[in-house]
Every structure is written in C-alpha cells, then in structure tokens.
Amino acid sequence: MNSEIIHCFREANCVVDALARHATTRDMDYIFSKEEDMPDSNVRPMRMDTLNLASFRFKKENTRDGTTNHLE
C-alpha cells in the first residue's frame, strides 16, 4: 500500500481550523451532530464552506507607534 502525506494550509479547511481552536479551550470531548449544536464561532465557517466561499485569516501587526494594523 502506498500513501502520501500532503500539507494543507488551515485556510483550505476553515471548518476544521475553527473546530480545532474551539477544542483547545475545552476539557471535554464533544460530538456536534447538528449545526444548532455547534459553537457560534464555528457556524459561519461551516456555512461559508457549504457555499464554497473563500475564507481568509488576517494577522494583527503592531506598528511602530503602538497601534495595531490588520493585514489583508
């Protein structure tokens, strides 16, 4: 049996990324069988994925004067 491991950027699967971020804040296992059961932070990425819409992550960058810019 041949297999291949391919890296996938988190932007390519925003639903899994959002669920992984949610899981790091919990100390119990959860199974979400319906959209209504999912955390609010995961519903939007799931709906965007269902509609085949692109997702973007923005990084905060501190400027020299101490303010924060959002890079696009």
C-alpha atoms as a PDB file:
ATOM      1  CA  MET A   1       0.000   0.000   0.000  1.00  0.00           C
ATOM      2  CA  ASN A   2       1.371   3.399  -0.991  1.00  0.00           C
ATOM      3  CA  SER A   3       0.438   6.540   0.868  1.00  0.00           C
ATOM      4  CA  GLU A   4       1.290  10.203   0.623  1.00  0.00           C
ATOM      5  CA  ILE A   5       1.133  12.993   3.201  1.00  0.00           C
ATOM      6  CA  ILE A   6       0.273  16.429   1.848  1.00  0.00           C
ATOM      7  CA  HIS A   7       0.286  19.650   3.882  1.00  0.00           C
ATOM      8  CA  CYS A   8      -2.923  21.641   3.794  1.00  0.00           C
ATOM      9  CA  PHE A   9      -2.980  25.259   4.973  1.00  0.00           C
ATOM     10  CA  ARG A  10      -5.612  25.996   7.599  1.00  0.00           C
ATOM     11  CA  GLU A  11      -7.319  28.406   5.204  1.00  0.00           C
ATOM     12  CA  ALA A  12      -8.105  25.434   2.971  1.00  0.00           C
ATOM     13  CA  ASN A  13     -10.369  23.946   5.630  1.00  0.00           C
ATOM     14  CA  CYS A  14     -11.635  26.736   7.825  1.00  0.00           C
ATOM     15  CA  VAL A  15     -14.254  24.496   9.482  1.00  0.00           C
ATOM     16  CA  VAL A  16     -11.630  22.128  10.876  1.00  0.00           C
ATOM     17  CA  ASP A  17      -9.463  25.084  11.896  1.00  0.00           C
ATOM     18  CA  ALA A  18     -12.363  26.689  13.790  1.00  0.00           C
ATOM     19  CA  LEU A  19     -13.250  23.395  15.497  1.00  0.00           C
ATOM     20  CA  ALA A  20      -9.618  22.815  16.483  1.00  0.00           C
ATOM     21  CA  ARG A  21      -9.401  26.309  18.003  1.00  0.00           C
ATOM     22  CA  HIS A  22     -12.630  25.627  19.920  1.00  0.00           C
ATOM     23  CA  ALA A  23     -11.339  22.257  21.154  1.00  0.00           C
ATOM     24  CA  THR A  24      -8.242  23.842  22.690  1.00  0.00           C
ATOM     25  CA  THR A  25     -10.469  25.829  25.056  1.00  0.00           C
ATOM     26  CA  ARG A  26     -12.439  22.796  26.313  1.00  0.00           C
ATOM     27  CA  ASP A  27     -11.503  19.902  28.544  1.00  0.00           C
ATOM     28  CA  MET A  28     -14.270  17.523  27.392  1.00  0.00           C
ATOM     29  CA  ASP A  29     -14.993  15.735  24.116  1.00  0.00           C
ATOM     30  CA  TYR A  30     -17.988  16.895  22.094  1.00  0.00           C
ATOM     31  CA  ILE A  31     -19.858  15.494  19.098  1.00  0.00           C
ATOM     32  CA  PHE A  32     -21.774  18.025  17.038  1.00  0.00           C
ATOM     33  CA  SER A  33     -24.461  16.256  15.018  1.00  0.00           C
ATOM     34  CA  LYS A  34     -26.420  19.380  14.013  1.00  0.00           C
ATOM     35  CA  GLU A  35     -25.498  22.948  13.143  1.00  0.00           C
ATOM     36  CA  GLU A  36     -27.542  24.153  16.106  1.00  0.00           C
ATOM     37  CA  ASP A  37     -25.228  22.206  18.457  1.00  0.00           C
ATOM     38  CA  MET A  38     -22.049  23.798  17.136  1.00  0.00           C
ATOM     39  CA  PRO A  39     -20.391  26.737  18.891  1.00  0.00           C
ATOM     40  CA  ASP A  40     -21.278  30.131  17.406  1.00  0.00           C
ATOM     41  CA  SER A  41     -17.675  30.633  16.292  1.00  0.00           C
ATOM     42  CA  ASN A  42     -17.945  27.584  14.017  1.00  0.00           C
ATOM     43  CA  VAL A  43     -21.288  28.191  12.321  1.00  0.00           C
ATOM     44  CA  ARG A  44     -20.069  30.944   9.991  1.00  0.00           C
ATOM     45  CA  PRO A  45     -17.047  28.984   8.668  1.00  0.00           C
ATOM     46  CA  MET A  46     -19.296  25.951   8.112  1.00  0.00           C
ATOM     47  CA  ARG A  47     -21.872  27.973   6.170  1.00  0.00           C
ATOM     48  CA  MET A  48     -19.141  29.597   4.077  1.00  0.00           C
ATOM     49  CA  ASP A  49     -17.677  26.162   3.323  1.00  0.00           C
ATOM     50  CA  THR A  50     -21.098  24.821   2.335  1.00  0.00           C
ATOM     51  CA  LEU A  51     -21.443  27.700  -0.149  1.00  0.00           C
ATOM     52  CA  ASN A  52     -17.872  27.163  -1.458  1.00  0.00           C
ATOM     53  CA  LEU A  53     -16.866  30.676  -0.413  1.00  0.00           C
ATOM     54  CA  ALA A  54     -13.228  31.543   0.196  1.00  0.00           C
ATOM     55  CA  SER A  55     -12.058  32.188   3.725  1.00  0.00           C
ATOM     56  CA  PHE A  56      -9.277  34.498   4.817  1.00  0.00           C
ATOM     57  CA  ARG A  57      -7.296  34.838   8.029  1.00  0.00           C
ATOM     58  CA  PHE A  58      -5.999  38.242   8.952  1.00  0.00           C
ATOM     59  CA  LYS A  59      -2.930  38.743  11.063  1.00  0.00           C
ATOM     60  CA  LYS A  60      -2.610  41.593  13.519  1.00  0.00           C
ATOM     61  CA  GLU A  61       0.594  43.563  13.236  1.00  0.00           C
ATOM     62  CA  ASN A  62       1.786  46.165  15.728  1.00  0.00           C
ATOM     63  CA  THR A  63       3.119  49.346  14.184  1.00  0.00           C
ATOM     64  CA  ARG A  64       5.982  51.484  15.438  1.00  0.00           C
ATOM     65  CA  ASP A  65       3.621  53.918  17.138  1.00  0.00           C
ATOM     66  CA  GLY A  66       1.971  51.118  19.137  1.00  0.00           C
ATOM     67  CA  THR A  67      -1.259  50.905  17.156  1.00  0.00           C
ATOM     68  CA  THR A  68      -2.479  47.685  15.544  1.00  0.00           C
ATOM     69  CA  ASN A  69      -2.976  47.208  11.810  1.00  0.00           C
ATOM     70  CA  HIS A  70      -4.900  44.333  10.287  1.00  0.00           C
ATOM     71  CA  LEU A  71      -3.047  42.951   7.297  1.00  0.00           C
ATOM     72  CA  GLU A  72      -5.035  41.700   4.340  1.00  0.00           C
END
